[in-house]
Protein backbone atom coordinates (compact mmCIF):
# COMPACT_ATOMS: atom_id res chain seq x y z
CA MET A 1 10.15 -28.83 33.72
CA PRO A 2 7.56 -31.28 33.63
CA THR A 3 9.24 -34.45 31.05
CA ARG A 4 6.92 -34.20 28.24
CA THR A 5 8.18 -30.08 28.03
CA LEU A 6 11.68 -30.61 28.09
CA VAL A 7 11.17 -33.70 25.78
CA SER A 8 8.91 -31.62 23.15
CA LEU A 9 11.93 -28.92 23.67
CA LEU A 10 14.94 -31.43 22.61
CA LEU A 11 13.13 -32.58 19.86
CA VAL A 12 11.89 -29.05 18.46
CA ALA A 13 16.01 -28.55 18.86
CA GLY A 14 16.77 -31.80 17.29
CA LEU A 15 14.69 -31.07 14.44
CA ALA A 16 16.29 -27.22 14.29
CA ILE A 17 19.38 -28.25 14.29
CA GLY A 18 18.84 -30.74 11.41
CA PHE A 19 17.32 -28.16 9.35
CA VAL A 20 20.70 -25.90 9.54
CA SER A 21 22.99 -28.65 9.02
CA ALA A 22 20.89 -30.09 5.54
CA SER A 23 21.13 -26.39 4.40
CA GLN A 24 24.50 -26.03 4.88
CA SER A 25 25.29 -28.90 3.19
CA ALA A 26 22.95 -28.00 0.53
CA GLY A 27 25.13 -24.94 0.39
CA ASN A 28 28.35 -26.95 0.10
CA THR A 29 27.14 -28.24 -3.03
CA PRO A 30 28.18 -26.93 -6.31
CA PRO A 31 25.77 -25.73 -8.55
CA PRO A 32 24.97 -28.28 -11.44
CA GLU A 33 26.84 -27.70 -14.25
CA PRO A 34 25.55 -26.16 -18.19
CA LYS A 35 24.95 -29.52 -20.53
CA VAL A 36 26.69 -28.46 -23.95
CA THR A 37 25.74 -30.20 -26.89
CA PRO A 38 27.75 -29.51 -30.55
CA LEU A 39 25.25 -29.38 -33.38
CA MET A 40 26.91 -28.00 -36.42
CA THR A 41 30.44 -27.15 -37.71
CA GLN A 42 31.05 -25.04 -40.80
CA PRO A 43 34.37 -24.10 -42.09
CA LEU A 44 33.97 -20.52 -43.57
CA PRO A 45 36.01 -20.63 -47.19
CA GLU A 46 35.15 -16.87 -47.61
CA PHE A 47 37.29 -16.36 -43.97
CA PRO A 48 40.27 -18.33 -44.44
CA GLY A 49 41.14 -20.64 -41.00
CA LYS A 50 37.60 -19.43 -39.55
CA GLU A 51 34.91 -21.59 -38.91
CA ALA A 52 31.51 -21.22 -37.39
CA LEU A 53 30.60 -23.79 -34.14
CA MET A 54 26.75 -24.07 -32.94
CA LEU A 55 26.11 -25.59 -29.83
CA LEU A 56 23.13 -25.76 -28.25
CA VAL A 57 23.44 -24.74 -24.17
CA GLU A 58 21.18 -26.13 -21.59
CA TYR A 59 21.18 -24.77 -17.65
CA PRO A 60 19.62 -27.11 -15.50
CA PRO A 61 17.68 -24.84 -12.72
CA GLY A 62 20.51 -23.48 -10.65
CA ALA A 63 23.39 -23.51 -12.97
CA VAL A 64 26.49 -21.77 -13.07
CA GLU A 65 29.25 -21.60 -15.51
CA HIS A 66 32.67 -20.98 -15.03
CA LYS A 67 34.71 -17.92 -16.05
CA HIS A 68 35.68 -18.28 -19.50
CA ARG A 69 36.42 -17.09 -22.57
CA HIS A 70 36.07 -18.33 -26.69
CA ASP A 71 38.79 -16.01 -28.45
CA ALA A 72 35.91 -15.44 -31.03
CA HIS A 73 33.11 -14.11 -31.59
CA ALA A 74 29.91 -15.97 -29.54
CA PHE A 75 26.21 -14.96 -30.57
CA VAL A 76 23.92 -16.26 -28.50
CA TYR A 77 20.38 -16.83 -28.75
CA VAL A 78 17.98 -17.64 -26.00
CA LEU A 79 15.14 -20.64 -26.45
CA GLU A 80 13.41 -20.74 -23.33
CA GLY A 81 13.70 -20.11 -19.60
CA ASN A 82 15.97 -17.26 -18.52
CA ILE A 83 19.49 -16.77 -17.91
CA VAL A 84 21.97 -13.53 -17.14
CA LEU A 85 25.07 -13.23 -18.68
CA GLY A 86 27.43 -10.72 -18.33
CA VAL A 87 31.50 -9.96 -19.61
CA GLU A 88 34.34 -8.11 -17.87
CA GLY A 89 34.12 -4.53 -17.25
CA LYS A 90 30.06 -4.23 -18.02
CA PRO A 91 27.12 -4.94 -16.27
CA GLU A 92 25.19 -8.56 -15.99
CA VAL A 93 22.57 -8.82 -18.42
CA PRO A 94 19.24 -10.93 -18.37
CA LEU A 95 17.67 -12.57 -21.07
CA GLY A 96 14.63 -14.74 -21.52
CA PRO A 97 12.58 -16.32 -24.92
CA GLY A 98 13.87 -14.52 -28.02
CA GLN A 99 16.76 -12.11 -26.40
CA THR A 100 20.44 -12.08 -27.64
CA PHE A 101 23.97 -11.38 -27.04
CA HIS A 102 27.07 -11.35 -28.02
CA GLU A 103 30.71 -11.92 -26.65
CA GLY A 104 33.76 -9.98 -28.65
CA THR A 105 37.01 -12.41 -29.62
CA ASN A 106 38.89 -10.37 -26.23
CA ASP A 107 35.74 -10.32 -23.95
CA ILE A 108 35.79 -12.50 -20.53
CA HIS A 109 32.79 -14.58 -19.98
CA THR A 110 32.58 -13.95 -15.88
CA VAL A 111 28.83 -14.11 -15.47
CA GLY A 112 26.80 -17.19 -17.28
CA ARG A 113 23.79 -18.39 -15.02
CA ASN A 114 20.08 -19.53 -14.85
CA ALA A 115 17.95 -16.75 -13.51
CA SER A 116 15.95 -19.64 -12.20
CA GLN A 117 16.41 -22.15 -8.68
CA ASN A 118 13.30 -24.14 -9.90
CA LYS A 119 12.81 -23.98 -14.31
CA PRO A 120 15.87 -25.21 -17.19
CA ALA A 121 16.97 -22.67 -19.75
CA LYS A 122 18.29 -23.03 -23.02
CA PHE A 123 20.05 -21.12 -25.61
CA VAL A 124 22.09 -21.87 -28.97
CA VAL A 125 25.41 -19.98 -28.95
CA THR A 126 27.56 -19.83 -32.53
CA LEU A 127 30.89 -19.01 -32.22
CA VAL A 128 33.01 -17.34 -35.24
CA LYS A 129 36.40 -18.89 -34.33
CA ASP A 130 39.62 -20.01 -35.80
CA ILE A 131 39.44 -23.80 -36.93
CA ASP A 132 42.75 -24.69 -34.88
CA LYS A 133 41.29 -23.29 -31.02
CA PRO A 134 38.89 -24.77 -28.58
CA ALA A 135 35.29 -23.28 -27.91
CA LEU A 136 36.12 -22.95 -24.60
CA ILE A 137 39.18 -21.32 -22.51
CA PRO A 138 39.03 -21.19 -19.38
CA VAL A 139 40.24 -18.12 -17.17
CA GLU A 140 41.69 -17.97 -13.19
């Protein structure tokens, strides 16, 4: 085999190994976390011990949420982008701008992700919850 052909084959093999290594490294990187910004908290005097908490949630491209629950009623309104939400025992729901979603007080949020790997998504969540409880409770 001529030296030039051998060098070309080694170069191609080296590049292939580099691409595989890079893609495996990228596969080990955890997906980006959502950014959550509190917008408003309002006590609900007509419902003693309850409050409304409004949050802006921003999913960077590829963002995925961890399994959790709210111990609250959660009302979601999508502002931009496309997301996928789901609760235990029910099918995943794809949502786009202007669409809504509800989680009940006993629902376990099993799916929450940006449907896009290259575009951000934003939505507002309003929680009706007990004043003394956290907005998010992790689930193992």
